[in-house]
Structure formats: structure tokens, C-alpha cells
């Protein structure tokens, strides 16, 4: 089973990935459960993550292609071995983030981004949790956290476009996308995600 967590910066993806991993390990003690993230979720991928999030400004197409290079290696080295062995993968960000940030956020034509994503030939998630919350709430969280990366520093208009992108993809993929109210406490959100997995027949 391949689960992805999506949402704008500050929506709580890392927290929920950790809580969901713990719950799934308790439910399936004999199955491998991998928690990972993009970019940089594979050995050797740290330099790509640092270049994208902390380096100098990149041309939007260069940024997009670096994300795809990272994903191809991440899937080959980390995700596919677990899925092929019947395990469970929980990934913070995946292809939907690429579409939301590089197309809706950066303005690269959607058909171009979609074509490149499809061209990579990578597996699609079984279920995607979209952790949704107002942009201003997300910015307040990011402000209290400090140390914002490049995307977190883009500001409200950029994140509004990204959020609209996630909303559009959720409308287009109702069978895979599940919206979750990320304004609730982490414990409430976590319980909701696990219940949704059960209700949807994934567990």
C-alpha cells in the first residue's frame, strides 16, 4: 500500500507521517512500514534537497527537473523494494506536490509538468491525504517554527495558488484524494486519517 501526504507548507505532513507510521506498525507488526519524504528521501539525495530548498534561486524548469531526478532515484532505491515485498509506504510529498508547486505555484504549463511526471513511469499512490488549512494559518505556524526554506518563504499569494492546485487535483481524483481538515490538533487529525483508511477499505 502506497500512501502519500500532501498539502502546503505548515500543514503538518511530517507530524502526521510519524503518527500514521506508528499506528500502521502496531496494526501490521509483521509488515514492513516505510516512512519517507521528498525531496531527498534516499541515500545520496540530501544534496538535491539542499540545492532545491536552500541554494540559490533556480529557473522553474531546472527546479522541476531536479525534483523528478530525485523522485526517480527515491522510488527505485526506497519505495519500490518495500511495495514489491508487500509492505506499506508513507511518503511526505510526491507527484501531486510537483504539480501544485511547479505548475500552479511557479506557472509552468500543467500539460508540460504532467507529461514529464508520466514520462518517468513511476507508481501512483493508492491513497493521498490532502492536509488542508488556510494559508494564513499555515504562515502563522511557519513563523513560530522559524528557519523557513525557499518555498516556505514565497509568501501568501504563492501558497494560495498552491492550495488551489491541491483543491483542483482533489476534485479531479475523488477516488484517491481524501481531504482532511489540518486545523485540528495533531491527535485529532491522526485519528481521522486512520479512520478514513479503515472506512475506505484500505486496512
C-alpha atoms as a PDB file:
ATOM      1  CA  UNK A   1       0.000   0.000   0.000  1.00  0.00           C
ATOM      2  CA  UNK A   2       1.350   3.387  -1.042  1.00  0.00           C
ATOM      3  CA  UNK A   3       0.126   6.391   0.984  1.00  0.00           C
ATOM      4  CA  UNK A   4       1.125   9.983   0.290  1.00  0.00           C
ATOM      5  CA  UNK A   5       0.621  13.074   2.429  1.00  0.00           C
ATOM      6  CA  UNK A   6       0.184  16.359   0.587  1.00  0.00           C
ATOM      7  CA  UNK A   7      -0.511  19.967   1.494  1.00  0.00           C
ATOM      8  CA  UNK A   8       1.021  23.402   1.645  1.00  0.00           C
ATOM      9  CA  UNK A   9       3.966  24.142   3.903  1.00  0.00           C
ATOM     10  CA  UNK A  10       2.920  24.219   7.546  1.00  0.00           C
ATOM     11  CA  UNK A  11       0.037  21.775   7.156  1.00  0.00           C
ATOM     12  CA  UNK A  12       1.577  19.146   9.438  1.00  0.00           C
ATOM     13  CA  UNK A  13       2.692  16.474   6.977  1.00  0.00           C
ATOM     14  CA  UNK A  14       5.760  15.408   8.943  1.00  0.00           C
ATOM     15  CA  UNK A  15       3.812  15.132  12.191  1.00  0.00           C
ATOM     16  CA  UNK A  16       1.059  13.092  10.568  1.00  0.00           C
ATOM     17  CA  UNK A  17       3.511  10.861   8.719  1.00  0.00           C
ATOM     18  CA  UNK A  18       5.129   9.973  12.026  1.00  0.00           C
ATOM     19  CA  UNK A  19       1.839   9.300  13.808  1.00  0.00           C
ATOM     20  CA  UNK A  20       0.447   7.272  10.914  1.00  0.00           C
ATOM     21  CA  UNK A  21       3.621   5.202  10.731  1.00  0.00           C
ATOM     22  CA  UNK A  22       3.326   4.332  14.425  1.00  0.00           C
ATOM     23  CA  UNK A  23      -0.327   3.312  14.047  1.00  0.00           C
ATOM     24  CA  UNK A  24       0.335   1.154  10.993  1.00  0.00           C
ATOM     25  CA  UNK A  25       3.286  -0.597  12.622  1.00  0.00           C
ATOM     26  CA  UNK A  26       1.052  -1.526  15.553  1.00  0.00           C
ATOM     27  CA  UNK A  27      -1.730  -2.725  13.244  1.00  0.00           C
ATOM     28  CA  UNK A  28       0.632  -4.696  10.976  1.00  0.00           C
ATOM     29  CA  UNK A  29       3.601  -5.815  13.126  1.00  0.00           C
ATOM     30  CA  UNK A  30       4.764  -8.332  10.506  1.00  0.00           C
ATOM     31  CA  UNK A  31       4.716  -5.968   7.543  1.00  0.00           C
ATOM     32  CA  UNK A  32       7.440  -3.546   6.596  1.00  0.00           C
ATOM     33  CA  UNK A  33       6.295   0.072   7.051  1.00  0.00           C
ATOM     34  CA  UNK A  34       8.497   2.739   5.488  1.00  0.00           C
ATOM     35  CA  UNK A  35       8.194   6.427   6.291  1.00  0.00           C
ATOM     36  CA  UNK A  36       9.954   8.629   3.765  1.00  0.00           C
ATOM     37  CA  UNK A  37       9.805  12.072   2.178  1.00  0.00           C
ATOM     38  CA  UNK A  38      10.577  14.119  -0.894  1.00  0.00           C
ATOM     39  CA  UNK A  39      12.889  15.607  -1.848  1.00  0.00           C
ATOM     40  CA  UNK A  40      15.924  13.745  -0.524  1.00  0.00           C
ATOM     41  CA  UNK A  41      14.337  10.573   0.821  1.00  0.00           C
ATOM     42  CA  UNK A  42      17.103   8.268  -0.409  1.00  0.00           C
ATOM     43  CA  UNK A  43      20.762   7.822   0.452  1.00  0.00           C
ATOM     44  CA  UNK A  44      22.619  10.390  -1.611  1.00  0.00           C
ATOM     45  CA  UNK A  45      19.559  12.581  -2.116  1.00  0.00           C
ATOM     46  CA  UNK A  46      20.489  15.100   0.535  1.00  0.00           C
ATOM     47  CA  UNK A  47      22.422  17.282  -1.885  1.00  0.00           C
ATOM     48  CA  UNK A  48      19.377  17.593  -4.155  1.00  0.00           C
ATOM     49  CA  UNK A  49      17.173  18.541  -1.211  1.00  0.00           C
ATOM     50  CA  UNK A  50      19.687  21.145  -0.074  1.00  0.00           C
ATOM     51  CA  UNK A  51      20.092  22.559  -3.583  1.00  0.00           C
ATOM     52  CA  UNK A  52      16.341  22.886  -4.126  1.00  0.00           C
ATOM     53  CA  UNK A  53      15.314  24.180  -0.711  1.00  0.00           C
ATOM     54  CA  UNK A  54      18.328  26.159   0.452  1.00  0.00           C
ATOM     55  CA  UNK A  55      20.503  27.011  -2.548  1.00  0.00           C
ATOM     56  CA  UNK A  56      20.352  29.978  -4.884  1.00  0.00           C
ATOM     57  CA  UNK A  57      17.213  30.637  -6.920  1.00  0.00           C
ATOM     58  CA  UNK A  58      16.724  28.137  -9.748  1.00  0.00           C
ATOM     59  CA  UNK A  59      14.902  28.513 -13.037  1.00  0.00           C
ATOM     60  CA  UNK A  60      11.464  26.853 -12.589  1.00  0.00           C
ATOM     61  CA  UNK A  61      12.250  24.164 -15.184  1.00  0.00           C
ATOM     62  CA  UNK A  62      15.586  23.388 -13.520  1.00  0.00           C
ATOM     63  CA  UNK A  63      13.759  23.081 -10.209  1.00  0.00           C
ATOM     64  CA  UNK A  64      11.154  20.772 -11.755  1.00  0.00           C
ATOM     65  CA  UNK A  65      13.756  18.510 -13.349  1.00  0.00           C
ATOM     66  CA  UNK A  66      15.715  18.232 -10.105  1.00  0.00           C
ATOM     67  CA  UNK A  67      12.552  17.131  -8.296  1.00  0.00           C
ATOM     68  CA  UNK A  68      11.981  14.451 -10.942  1.00  0.00           C
ATOM     69  CA  UNK A  69      15.586  13.210 -10.794  1.00  0.00           C
ATOM     70  CA  UNK A  70      15.216  12.927  -7.035  1.00  0.00           C
ATOM     71  CA  UNK A  71      11.907  11.069  -7.357  1.00  0.00           C
ATOM     72  CA  UNK A  72      13.179   8.524  -9.868  1.00  0.00           C
ATOM     73  CA  UNK A  73      16.037   7.526  -7.574  1.00  0.00           C
ATOM     74  CA  UNK A  74      13.865   7.692  -4.463  1.00  0.00           C
ATOM     75  CA  UNK A  75      11.302   5.317  -5.954  1.00  0.00           C
ATOM     76  CA  UNK A  76      13.915   2.914  -7.314  1.00  0.00           C
ATOM     77  CA  UNK A  77      16.010   2.742  -4.160  1.00  0.00           C
ATOM     78  CA  UNK A  78      13.469   3.140  -1.359  1.00  0.00           C
ATOM     79  CA  UNK A  79       9.815   2.879  -2.348  1.00  0.00           C
ATOM     80  CA  UNK A  80       9.617   0.032  -4.866  1.00  0.00           C
ATOM     81  CA  UNK A  81      11.564  -2.524  -2.775  1.00  0.00           C
ATOM     82  CA  UNK A  82       9.078  -2.084   0.077  1.00  0.00           C
ATOM     83  CA  UNK A  83       5.991  -2.150  -2.158  1.00  0.00           C
ATOM     84  CA  UNK A  84       7.259  -5.187  -4.083  1.00  0.00           C
ATOM     85  CA  UNK A  85       7.693  -7.034  -0.781  1.00  0.00           C
ATOM     86  CA  UNK A  86       4.092  -6.300   0.235  1.00  0.00           C
ATOM     87  CA  UNK A  87       4.968  -3.512   2.632  1.00  0.00           C
ATOM     88  CA  UNK A  88       3.454  -0.101   3.296  1.00  0.00           C
ATOM     89  CA  UNK A  89       4.993   3.220   2.280  1.00  0.00           C
ATOM     90  CA  UNK A  90       4.044   6.589   3.803  1.00  0.00           C
ATOM     91  CA  UNK A  91       5.606   9.414   1.808  1.00  0.00           C
ATOM     92  CA  UNK A  92       5.587  13.129   2.608  1.00  0.00           C
ATOM     93  CA  UNK A  93       5.045  14.757  -0.794  1.00  0.00           C
ATOM     94  CA  UNK A  94       5.044  13.071  -4.176  1.00  0.00           C
ATOM     95  CA  UNK A  95       3.881  13.877  -7.711  1.00  0.00           C
ATOM     96  CA  UNK A  96       0.896  15.961  -6.599  1.00  0.00           C
ATOM     97  CA  UNK A  97       3.263  18.401  -4.896  1.00  0.00           C
ATOM     98  CA  UNK A  98       5.172  18.709  -8.150  1.00  0.00           C
ATOM     99  CA  UNK A  99       2.002  19.652  -9.989  1.00  0.00           C
ATOM    100  CA  UNK A 100       0.820  22.024  -7.247  1.00  0.00           C
ATOM    101  CA  UNK A 101       4.095  23.846  -6.705  1.00  0.00           C
ATOM    102  CA  UNK A 102       5.721  23.809 -10.139  1.00  0.00           C
ATOM    103  CA  UNK A 103       2.570  24.312 -12.226  1.00  0.00           C
ATOM    104  CA  UNK A 104       0.086  26.165 -10.020  1.00  0.00           C
ATOM    105  CA  UNK A 105       2.782  27.913  -7.992  1.00  0.00           C
ATOM    106  CA  UNK A 106       5.568  28.567 -10.496  1.00  0.00           C
ATOM    107  CA  UNK A 107       3.395  28.802 -13.587  1.00  0.00           C
ATOM    108  CA  UNK A 108       4.853  26.003 -15.719  1.00  0.00           C
ATOM    109  CA  UNK A 109       2.077  24.791 -18.065  1.00  0.00           C
ATOM    110  CA  UNK A 110       0.211  21.898 -16.442  1.00  0.00           C
ATOM    111  CA  UNK A 111       0.410  19.722 -19.547  1.00  0.00           C
ATOM    112  CA  UNK A 112       4.208  20.040 -19.553  1.00  0.00           C
ATOM    113  CA  UNK A 113       4.523  19.081 -15.883  1.00  0.00           C
ATOM    114  CA  UNK A 114       2.054  16.212 -16.301  1.00  0.00           C
ATOM    115  CA  UNK A 115       3.896  14.913 -19.366  1.00  0.00           C
ATOM    116  CA  UNK A 116       7.218  14.827 -17.540  1.00  0.00           C
ATOM    117  CA  UNK A 117       5.698  13.146 -14.489  1.00  0.00           C
ATOM    118  CA  UNK A 118       4.056  10.498 -16.682  1.00  0.00           C
ATOM    119  CA  UNK A 119       7.243  10.051 -18.695  1.00  0.00           C
ATOM    120  CA  UNK A 120       9.074   8.924 -15.537  1.00  0.00           C
ATOM    121  CA  UNK A 121       6.737   5.903 -15.353  1.00  0.00           C
ATOM    122  CA  UNK A 122       6.565   5.805 -11.564  1.00  0.00           C
ATOM    123  CA  UNK A 123       3.882   4.167  -9.385  1.00  0.00           C
ATOM    124  CA  UNK A 124       0.804   6.125  -8.374  1.00  0.00           C
ATOM    125  CA  UNK A 125      -0.292   6.283  -4.725  1.00  0.00           C
ATOM    126  CA  UNK A 126      -3.192   4.133  -3.573  1.00  0.00           C
ATOM    127  CA  UNK A 127      -4.447   6.949  -1.373  1.00  0.00           C
ATOM    128  CA  UNK A 128      -3.437  10.587  -0.922  1.00  0.00           C
ATOM    129  CA  UNK A 129      -4.281  12.551   2.206  1.00  0.00           C
ATOM    130  CA  UNK A 130      -4.520  16.254   1.483  1.00  0.00           C
ATOM    131  CA  UNK A 131      -3.910  18.089   4.760  1.00  0.00           C
ATOM    132  CA  UNK A 132      -5.784  21.305   4.079  1.00  0.00           C
ATOM    133  CA  UNK A 133      -5.762  24.521   6.066  1.00  0.00           C
ATOM    134  CA  UNK A 134      -5.979  28.270   5.348  1.00  0.00           C
ATOM    135  CA  UNK A 135      -2.766  29.825   4.090  1.00  0.00           C
ATOM    136  CA  UNK A 136      -2.672  32.408   6.884  1.00  0.00           C
ATOM    137  CA  UNK A 137      -2.892  29.645   9.481  1.00  0.00           C
ATOM    138  CA  UNK A 138      -0.025  27.846   7.772  1.00  0.00           C
ATOM    139  CA  UNK A 139       2.067  31.022   7.707  1.00  0.00           C
ATOM    140  CA  UNK A 140       1.463  31.559  11.428  1.00  0.00           C
ATOM    141  CA  UNK A 141       2.717  28.045  12.096  1.00  0.00           C
ATOM    142  CA  UNK A 142       5.754  28.582   9.894  1.00  0.00           C
ATOM    143  CA  UNK A 143       6.516  31.880  11.607  1.00  0.00           C
ATOM    144  CA  UNK A 144       6.552  30.274  15.029  1.00  0.00           C
ATOM    145  CA  UNK A 145       8.754  27.465  13.747  1.00  0.00           C
ATOM    146  CA  UNK A 146      11.431  29.687  12.169  1.00  0.00           C
ATOM    147  CA  UNK A 147      14.099  28.747   9.620  1.00  0.00           C
ATOM    148  CA  UNK A 148      11.846  28.844   6.550  1.00  0.00           C
ATOM    149  CA  UNK A 149      13.100  27.199   3.344  1.00  0.00           C
ATOM    150  CA  UNK A 150      12.727  28.689  -0.130  1.00  0.00           C
ATOM    151  CA  UNK A 151       9.136  27.552  -0.683  1.00  0.00           C
ATOM    152  CA  UNK A 152       8.024  28.495   2.817  1.00  0.00           C
ATOM    153  CA  UNK A 153       9.385  31.998   2.173  1.00  0.00           C
ATOM    154  CA  UNK A 154       7.438  32.534  -1.064  1.00  0.00           C
ATOM    155  CA  UNK A 155       4.589  34.286   0.736  1.00  0.00           C
ATOM    156  CA  UNK A 156       0.814  34.215   0.793  1.00  0.00           C
ATOM    157  CA  UNK A 157      -0.062  34.635  -2.930  1.00  0.00           C
ATOM    158  CA  UNK A 158       2.220  31.757  -3.913  1.00  0.00           C
ATOM    159  CA  UNK A 159       0.810  29.418  -1.261  1.00  0.00           C
ATOM    160  CA  UNK A 160      -2.748  30.398  -2.207  1.00  0.00           C
ATOM    161  CA  UNK A 161      -2.030  29.255  -5.764  1.00  0.00           C
ATOM    162  CA  UNK A 162      -0.510  26.023  -4.487  1.00  0.00           C
ATOM    163  CA  UNK A 163      -3.508  25.379  -2.241  1.00  0.00           C
ATOM    164  CA  UNK A 164      -5.832  25.980  -5.197  1.00  0.00           C
ATOM    165  CA  UNK A 165      -3.815  23.414  -7.125  1.00  0.00           C
ATOM    166  CA  UNK A 166      -4.335  20.778  -4.454  1.00  0.00           C
ATOM    167  CA  UNK A 167      -8.063  21.592  -4.382  1.00  0.00           C
ATOM    168  CA  UNK A 168      -8.280  21.155  -8.147  1.00  0.00           C
ATOM    169  CA  UNK A 169      -6.495  17.796  -8.048  1.00  0.00           C
ATOM    170  CA  UNK A 170      -8.740  16.624  -5.211  1.00  0.00           C
ATOM    171  CA  UNK A 171     -11.784  17.426  -7.361  1.00  0.00           C
ATOM    172  CA  UNK A 172     -10.279  15.581 -10.324  1.00  0.00           C
ATOM    173  CA  UNK A 173      -9.262  12.487  -8.317  1.00  0.00           C
ATOM    174  CA  UNK A 174     -12.030  11.831  -5.773  1.00  0.00           C
ATOM    175  CA  UNK A 175     -11.245   8.119  -5.592  1.00  0.00           C
ATOM    176  CA  UNK A 176      -7.673   8.701  -4.449  1.00  0.00           C
ATOM    177  CA  UNK A 177      -7.615  12.144  -2.815  1.00  0.00           C
ATOM    178  CA  UNK A 178      -9.013  12.447   0.699  1.00  0.00           C
ATOM    179  CA  UNK A 179      -9.207  15.942   2.171  1.00  0.00           C
ATOM    180  CA  UNK A 180      -8.505  16.277   5.883  1.00  0.00           C
ATOM    181  CA  UNK A 181      -9.007  19.403   7.989  1.00  0.00           C
ATOM    182  CA  UNK A 182      -5.474  20.162   9.168  1.00  0.00           C
ATOM    183  CA  UNK A 183      -6.557  22.929  11.550  1.00  0.00           C
ATOM    184  CA  UNK A 184      -7.463  20.374  14.223  1.00  0.00           C
ATOM    185  CA  UNK A 185      -4.982  19.097  16.808  1.00  0.00           C
ATOM    186  CA  UNK A 186      -2.388  16.559  15.583  1.00  0.00           C
ATOM    187  CA  UNK A 187      -4.044  13.777  17.583  1.00  0.00           C
ATOM    188  CA  UNK A 188      -7.490  14.503  16.126  1.00  0.00           C
ATOM    189  CA  UNK A 189      -6.111  14.661  12.582  1.00  0.00           C
ATOM    190  CA  UNK A 190      -4.200  11.406  13.079  1.00  0.00           C
ATOM    191  CA  UNK A 191      -7.270   9.565  14.363  1.00  0.00           C
ATOM    192  CA  UNK A 192      -9.265  10.932  11.438  1.00  0.00           C
ATOM    193  CA  UNK A 193      -6.724   9.736   8.861  1.00  0.00           C
ATOM    194  CA  UNK A 194      -6.610   6.240  10.334  1.00  0.00           C
ATOM    195  CA  UNK A 195     -10.401   6.054  10.470  1.00  0.00           C
ATOM    196  CA  UNK A 196     -10.610   7.182   6.841  1.00  0.00           C
ATOM    197  CA  UNK A 197      -8.215   4.409   5.821  1.00  0.00           C
ATOM    198  CA  UNK A 198     -10.447   1.887   7.566  1.00  0.00           C
ATOM    199  CA  UNK A 199     -13.681   3.300   6.146  1.00  0.00           C
ATOM    200  CA  UNK A 200     -12.252   3.379   2.635  1.00  0.00           C
ATOM    201  CA  UNK A 201     -11.280  -0.293   2.822  1.00  0.00           C
ATOM    202  CA  UNK A 202      -7.514   0.199   2.700  1.00  0.00           C
ATOM    203  CA  UNK A 203      -6.947  -1.594   6.027  1.00  0.00           C
END
